[in-house]
Amino acid sequence: MNPLVSVILPVFNRRLTLQAAARSVLDQSFRDLELIIVDDASTEDLRPVVEALEDPRVVFIRLAVNGGASVARNAGLQAARGAFIAFQDSDDYWLPWKLKLQMDLMETLPSEFGVVVHSKIVYGTGGKKNLNGRGGVVLLPPPERILKQDEDQVRKFLVENRISLQNSLFRRECYPNMTWFDASTRANADWAFSSSLAQHTRIYESPEPVVLAFMSDDSISRNRKQKAIGLIRIMKRNRKLFDTYPAEYAWNLWRIGRMLMAVGHRRMGGRFCRGALLRRPQIIKLILKRILA
């Protein structure tokens, strides 16, 4: 009999954190699940760590060639048997009620809702800043920014990376096929997926936290150049849609330009920023508003 929920955990090395991350899934109060651990051709031997879990619900897949988290997640999706899909990261922890809370919420929603997303508590590491540019601990997304049901969710997801995969629960059929992630995108892969996902299903956001997340020193989210490349991929992926949302197109051009300039590509970054202002001169008001916020 197939499990109700398939949980996919991609990993590259991180043998010191993998067992705790996996155990936080296996120890959920909701038990009807499988945990698919996809080893993305690690240089460390992770099999002993996985075997030490001693749980028949664990499926271990080792890829022959390192392809990045998107490739590993897609491999997990191909092996998944559940009617619902969830994701875990190799250095984060699910709170014990995460799946039960989300499954119960999903049951109360109309069938057009294919995704429920909760918040996460994010801890900075090594004195570095967290995702909001501050040190310490932060709740993401902030409760006041939770998606309202009368908002244009397609517009929101074009300009905001709103889904952290490990915070979310997906109906298997929420997306037209089971290749959810762009293999060419190393950063912002979750945003690239969610910008398309928002066009196929309704998304429900809740402020209650379900995950403890940590900003690791090797986190891809710290790499501005990779983030800029990921955002360019998002722009290409949704090229036709941006005809309907010209302001959002210009805003993303500006952000790409600023990211590139910050990592030393000043000439190329300047071209993106000028393109944003030429396409949408009014964007300067939005830029000033965000700077002063």
Protein backbone atom coordinates (compact mmCIF):
# COMPACT_ATOMS: atom_id res chain seq x y z
CA MET A 1 0.00 0.00 0.00
CA ASN A 2 1.40 3.39 -0.99
CA PRO A 3 2.18 5.98 1.69
CA LEU A 4 -0.03 9.05 1.75
CA VAL A 5 2.90 11.51 1.83
CA SER A 6 6.25 11.30 0.05
CA VAL A 7 8.95 13.43 1.65
CA ILE A 8 11.98 14.20 -0.54
CA LEU A 9 15.30 15.13 1.05
CA PRO A 10 18.16 16.02 -1.33
CA VAL A 11 21.63 15.97 0.20
CA PHE A 12 25.21 16.64 -0.80
CA ASN A 13 27.63 15.64 1.97
CA ARG A 14 26.40 17.17 5.29
CA ARG A 15 26.71 13.83 7.07
CA LEU A 16 26.84 15.70 10.41
CA THR A 17 23.34 17.19 10.00
CA LEU A 18 21.59 14.62 7.79
CA GLN A 19 20.52 12.21 10.50
CA ALA A 20 18.85 14.88 12.65
CA ALA A 21 17.08 16.40 9.62
CA ALA A 22 15.82 12.98 8.53
CA ARG A 23 14.85 11.98 12.07
CA SER A 24 12.69 15.11 12.39
CA VAL A 25 10.66 13.75 9.45
CA LEU A 26 10.46 10.16 10.68
CA ASP A 27 9.41 11.26 14.18
CA GLN A 28 6.42 13.23 12.93
CA SER A 29 3.11 12.67 14.72
CA PHE A 30 1.72 11.96 11.23
CA ARG A 31 3.17 8.53 10.39
CA ASP A 32 1.84 7.59 6.93
CA LEU A 33 4.88 8.71 4.94
CA GLU A 34 7.95 7.65 3.07
CA LEU A 35 11.24 9.55 3.25
CA ILE A 36 13.18 9.56 -0.02
CA ILE A 37 16.79 10.60 0.62
CA VAL A 38 18.53 11.52 -2.65
CA ASP A 39 22.31 11.59 -2.39
CA ASP A 40 23.53 14.01 -5.05
CA ALA A 41 26.83 12.15 -5.67
CA SER A 42 28.31 13.17 -2.32
CA THR A 43 32.04 12.85 -1.73
CA GLU A 44 31.20 11.62 1.79
CA ASP A 45 29.78 8.14 2.37
CA LEU A 46 26.22 8.80 3.51
CA ARG A 47 24.90 5.23 3.38
CA PRO A 48 25.93 4.41 6.99
CA VAL A 49 24.10 7.54 8.18
CA VAL A 50 20.95 6.49 6.33
CA GLU A 51 21.17 2.87 7.49
CA ALA A 52 21.51 4.05 11.10
CA LEU A 53 18.00 5.51 10.85
CA GLU A 54 16.70 1.90 10.90
CA ASP A 55 13.31 2.79 9.49
CA PRO A 56 11.60 0.82 6.68
CA ARG A 57 9.94 4.02 5.44
CA VAL A 58 13.31 5.34 4.20
CA VAL A 59 14.21 5.05 0.51
CA PHE A 60 17.83 5.82 -0.41
CA ILE A 61 18.79 6.92 -3.92
CA ARG A 62 22.37 7.76 -4.87
CA LEU A 63 22.96 9.73 -8.07
CA ALA A 64 26.07 8.91 -10.09
CA VAL A 65 26.77 12.52 -11.07
CA ASN A 66 26.31 15.68 -9.02
CA GLY A 67 23.55 17.77 -10.62
CA GLY A 68 22.46 20.12 -7.84
CA ALA A 69 19.41 20.20 -5.62
CA SER A 70 16.96 20.61 -8.51
CA VAL A 71 18.16 17.42 -10.20
CA ALA A 72 18.05 15.55 -6.89
CA ARG A 73 14.53 16.76 -6.11
CA ASN A 74 13.32 15.76 -9.57
CA ALA A 75 14.82 12.29 -9.04
CA GLY A 76 12.93 12.05 -5.76
CA LEU A 77 9.70 13.11 -7.46
CA GLN A 78 10.09 10.33 -10.01
CA ALA A 79 10.34 7.79 -7.19
CA ALA A 80 7.57 9.29 -5.04
CA ARG A 81 4.44 7.18 -4.48
CA GLY A 82 2.39 9.47 -2.24
CA ALA A 83 -0.69 11.52 -3.09
CA PHE A 84 1.00 14.44 -1.31
CA ILE A 85 4.56 15.70 -1.66
CA ALA A 86 6.74 17.43 0.92
CA PHE A 87 10.41 18.42 0.99
CA GLN A 88 13.05 18.59 3.68
CA ASP A 89 16.51 20.15 3.63
CA SER A 90 19.55 18.31 4.94
CA ASP A 91 20.31 20.83 7.69
CA ASP A 92 16.85 21.91 8.87
CA TYR A 93 14.41 20.45 11.38
CA TRP A 94 10.68 19.89 11.07
CA LEU A 95 8.66 20.62 14.18
CA PRO A 96 6.91 17.39 15.32
CA TRP A 97 3.42 18.46 14.27
CA LYS A 98 4.40 19.83 10.84
CA LEU A 99 2.76 17.21 8.62
CA LYS A 100 -0.30 16.68 10.83
CA LEU A 101 -1.00 20.41 10.90
CA GLN A 102 -0.67 20.71 7.12
CA MET A 103 -2.67 17.59 6.30
CA ASP A 104 -5.48 18.77 8.57
CA LEU A 105 -5.44 22.19 6.93
CA MET A 106 -5.46 20.68 3.45
CA GLU A 107 -8.60 18.70 4.30
CA THR A 108 -10.48 21.91 5.16
CA LEU A 109 -9.63 23.67 1.89
CA PRO A 110 -11.43 23.42 -1.46
CA SER A 111 -9.76 21.15 -4.00
CA GLU A 112 -8.45 24.09 -6.06
CA PHE A 113 -5.89 24.68 -3.29
CA GLY A 114 -2.97 22.48 -4.25
CA VAL A 115 -0.43 23.87 -1.78
CA VAL A 116 -0.32 24.94 1.85
CA VAL A 117 2.67 26.97 3.04
CA HIS A 118 3.59 27.75 6.62
CA SER A 119 6.34 29.88 8.13
CA LYS A 120 9.81 28.96 9.37
CA ILE A 121 11.97 30.20 12.20
CA VAL A 122 15.34 31.14 10.70
CA TYR A 123 18.54 31.26 12.71
CA GLY A 124 21.64 33.04 11.42
CA THR A 125 24.99 31.26 11.91
CA GLY A 126 28.52 32.39 12.65
CA GLY A 127 27.41 35.95 13.30
CA LYS A 128 26.26 36.32 9.70
CA LYS A 129 23.09 38.14 8.72
CA ASN A 130 19.88 36.28 8.07
CA LEU A 131 17.61 36.61 5.04
CA ASN A 132 16.17 39.90 6.28
CA GLY A 133 19.64 41.43 6.53
CA ARG A 134 19.67 41.19 10.33
CA GLY A 135 21.44 38.86 12.73
CA GLY A 136 19.71 36.59 15.24
CA VAL A 137 16.33 34.93 14.72
CA VAL A 138 13.47 35.86 12.40
CA LEU A 139 10.10 34.42 11.36
CA LEU A 140 9.73 34.11 7.58
CA PRO A 141 7.56 35.21 6.02
CA PRO A 142 6.53 37.81 8.61
CA PRO A 143 2.87 37.35 9.65
CA GLU A 144 1.88 40.71 8.16
CA ARG A 145 3.05 39.57 4.72
CA ILE A 146 0.96 36.41 4.53
CA LEU A 147 -0.84 36.07 1.18
CA LYS A 148 -4.44 37.27 1.30
CA GLN A 149 -6.93 35.23 -0.66
CA ASP A 150 -8.18 38.22 -2.66
CA GLU A 151 -4.65 39.10 -3.85
CA ASP A 152 -3.35 38.35 -7.34
CA GLN A 153 -1.12 35.42 -6.42
CA VAL A 154 0.46 35.22 -9.88
CA ARG A 155 1.65 38.83 -9.55
CA LYS A 156 3.01 38.17 -6.04
CA PHE A 157 4.97 35.08 -7.03
CA LEU A 158 6.56 36.77 -10.04
CA VAL A 159 8.40 39.23 -7.81
CA GLU A 160 8.64 37.41 -4.47
CA ASN A 161 10.30 34.14 -3.51
CA ARG A 162 7.46 33.15 -1.22
CA ILE A 163 7.73 29.36 -0.97
CA SER A 164 10.35 27.63 1.12
CA LEU A 165 9.93 24.04 0.04
CA GLN A 166 10.53 22.52 3.47
CA ASN A 167 7.65 24.63 4.90
CA SER A 168 5.14 23.41 2.32
CA LEU A 169 2.83 20.52 1.48
CA PHE A 170 1.76 19.87 -2.12
CA ARG A 171 -0.97 17.83 -3.72
CA ARG A 172 0.72 15.56 -6.22
CA GLU A 173 -1.47 16.84 -9.07
CA CYS A 174 -0.87 20.54 -8.34
CA TYR A 175 1.54 20.79 -11.28
CA PRO A 176 1.08 19.45 -14.84
CA ASN A 177 4.05 17.03 -14.70
CA MET A 178 6.48 15.54 -12.18
CA THR A 179 9.54 17.48 -13.34
CA TRP A 180 9.02 20.44 -11.07
CA PHE A 181 12.49 22.00 -10.95
CA ASP A 182 14.72 23.67 -13.54
CA ALA A 183 17.95 21.66 -13.60
CA SER A 184 19.87 24.71 -14.88
CA THR A 185 18.97 26.82 -11.85
CA ARG A 186 21.32 26.46 -8.86
CA ALA A 187 19.89 29.37 -6.86
CA ASN A 188 16.27 30.52 -6.68
CA ALA A 189 15.18 27.10 -7.97
CA ASP A 190 12.26 27.10 -5.53
CA TRP A 191 11.23 30.54 -6.79
CA ALA A 192 11.48 29.44 -10.43
CA PHE A 193 9.14 26.57 -9.61
CA SER A 194 6.69 28.59 -7.53
CA SER A 195 6.43 31.35 -10.16
CA SER A 196 5.06 28.69 -12.51
CA LEU A 197 3.13 26.82 -9.83
CA ALA A 198 1.06 29.91 -8.98
CA GLN A 199 -0.36 29.79 -12.51
CA HIS A 200 -1.71 26.24 -12.05
CA THR A 201 -3.14 26.01 -8.53
CA ARG A 202 -4.20 28.15 -5.58
CA ILE A 203 -1.76 28.55 -2.72
CA TYR A 204 -2.76 28.96 0.92
CA GLU A 205 -0.34 30.61 3.34
CA SER A 206 -0.47 30.33 7.13
CA PRO A 207 1.73 32.24 9.63
CA GLU A 208 2.21 29.31 12.02
CA PRO A 209 5.84 28.06 11.99
CA VAL A 210 6.54 24.41 11.18
CA VAL A 211 10.31 24.39 10.51
CA LEU A 212 13.52 25.45 12.24
CA ALA A 213 15.92 26.61 9.51
CA PHE A 214 19.56 27.60 9.69
CA MET A 215 21.57 29.86 7.42
CA SER A 216 24.61 27.68 6.75
CA ASP A 217 27.89 29.25 5.69
CA ASP A 218 27.68 27.31 2.40
CA SER A 219 24.06 28.21 1.70
CA ILE A 220 23.43 28.92 -1.99
CA SER A 221 21.09 31.74 -0.92
CA ARG A 222 24.16 33.77 0.07
CA ASN A 223 25.56 33.74 -3.49
CA ARG A 224 24.34 36.91 -5.22
CA LYS A 225 25.71 35.98 -8.63
CA GLN A 226 23.89 32.64 -8.59
CA LYS A 227 20.73 34.40 -7.38
CA ALA A 228 20.96 36.84 -10.29
CA ILE A 229 21.33 33.94 -12.74
CA GLY A 230 18.35 32.22 -11.12
CA LEU A 231 16.23 35.34 -11.46
CA ILE A 232 17.20 35.63 -15.14
CA ARG A 233 15.96 32.04 -15.57
CA ILE A 234 12.68 33.02 -13.90
CA MET A 235 12.31 35.93 -16.31
CA LYS A 236 12.86 33.64 -19.29
CA ARG A 237 10.53 30.99 -17.90
CA ASN A 238 7.69 33.52 -17.61
CA ARG A 239 8.53 35.75 -20.59
CA LYS A 240 5.00 35.80 -22.05
CA LEU A 241 3.39 36.41 -18.66
CA PHE A 242 5.43 39.56 -18.09
CA ASP A 243 3.54 41.20 -20.97
CA THR A 244 0.60 41.27 -18.56
CA TYR A 245 2.76 42.45 -15.66
CA PRO A 246 5.16 45.11 -17.03
CA ALA A 247 5.84 46.71 -13.64
CA GLU A 248 6.91 43.37 -12.20
CA TYR A 249 9.13 42.77 -15.23
CA ALA A 250 10.88 46.11 -14.70
CA TRP A 251 11.29 45.51 -10.97
CA ASN A 252 13.01 42.17 -11.59
CA LEU A 253 15.32 43.77 -14.17
CA TRP A 254 16.33 46.32 -11.56
CA ARG A 255 17.01 43.62 -8.95
CA ILE A 256 19.15 41.59 -11.35
CA GLY A 257 21.14 44.72 -12.14
CA ARG A 258 21.74 45.49 -8.48
CA MET A 259 22.83 41.91 -7.73
CA LEU A 260 25.29 41.90 -10.63
CA MET A 261 26.73 45.27 -9.64
CA ALA A 262 27.19 44.04 -6.06
CA VAL A 263 29.45 41.20 -7.24
CA GLY A 264 31.58 43.39 -9.51
CA HIS A 265 29.73 43.16 -12.84
CA ARG A 266 29.01 46.86 -12.87
CA ARG A 267 28.68 47.34 -16.63
CA MET A 268 26.31 44.43 -17.12
CA GLY A 269 24.37 45.32 -13.99
CA GLY A 270 24.04 48.89 -15.17
CA ARG A 271 22.47 47.71 -18.42
CA PHE A 272 19.81 45.81 -16.52
CA CYS A 273 19.07 48.81 -14.28
CA ARG A 274 18.82 51.18 -17.26
CA GLY A 275 16.55 48.71 -19.02
CA ALA A 276 14.25 48.70 -15.98
CA LEU A 277 14.01 52.50 -15.92
CA LEU A 278 13.48 52.76 -19.68
CA ARG A 279 10.70 50.18 -19.65
CA ARG A 280 8.98 51.52 -16.56
CA PRO A 281 10.10 54.99 -15.40
CA GLN A 282 7.50 54.84 -12.62
CA ILE A 283 9.53 52.08 -10.98
CA ILE A 284 11.67 54.73 -9.31
CA LYS A 285 8.77 55.35 -6.91
CA LEU A 286 8.69 51.67 -5.95
CA ILE A 287 12.47 51.61 -5.52
CA LEU A 288 12.38 54.63 -3.19
CA LYS A 289 9.47 53.18 -1.26
CA ARG A 290 11.36 49.94 -0.64
CA ILE A 291 14.58 51.72 0.29
CA LEU A 292 12.78 53.91 2.82
CA ALA A 293 10.63 51.08 4.25
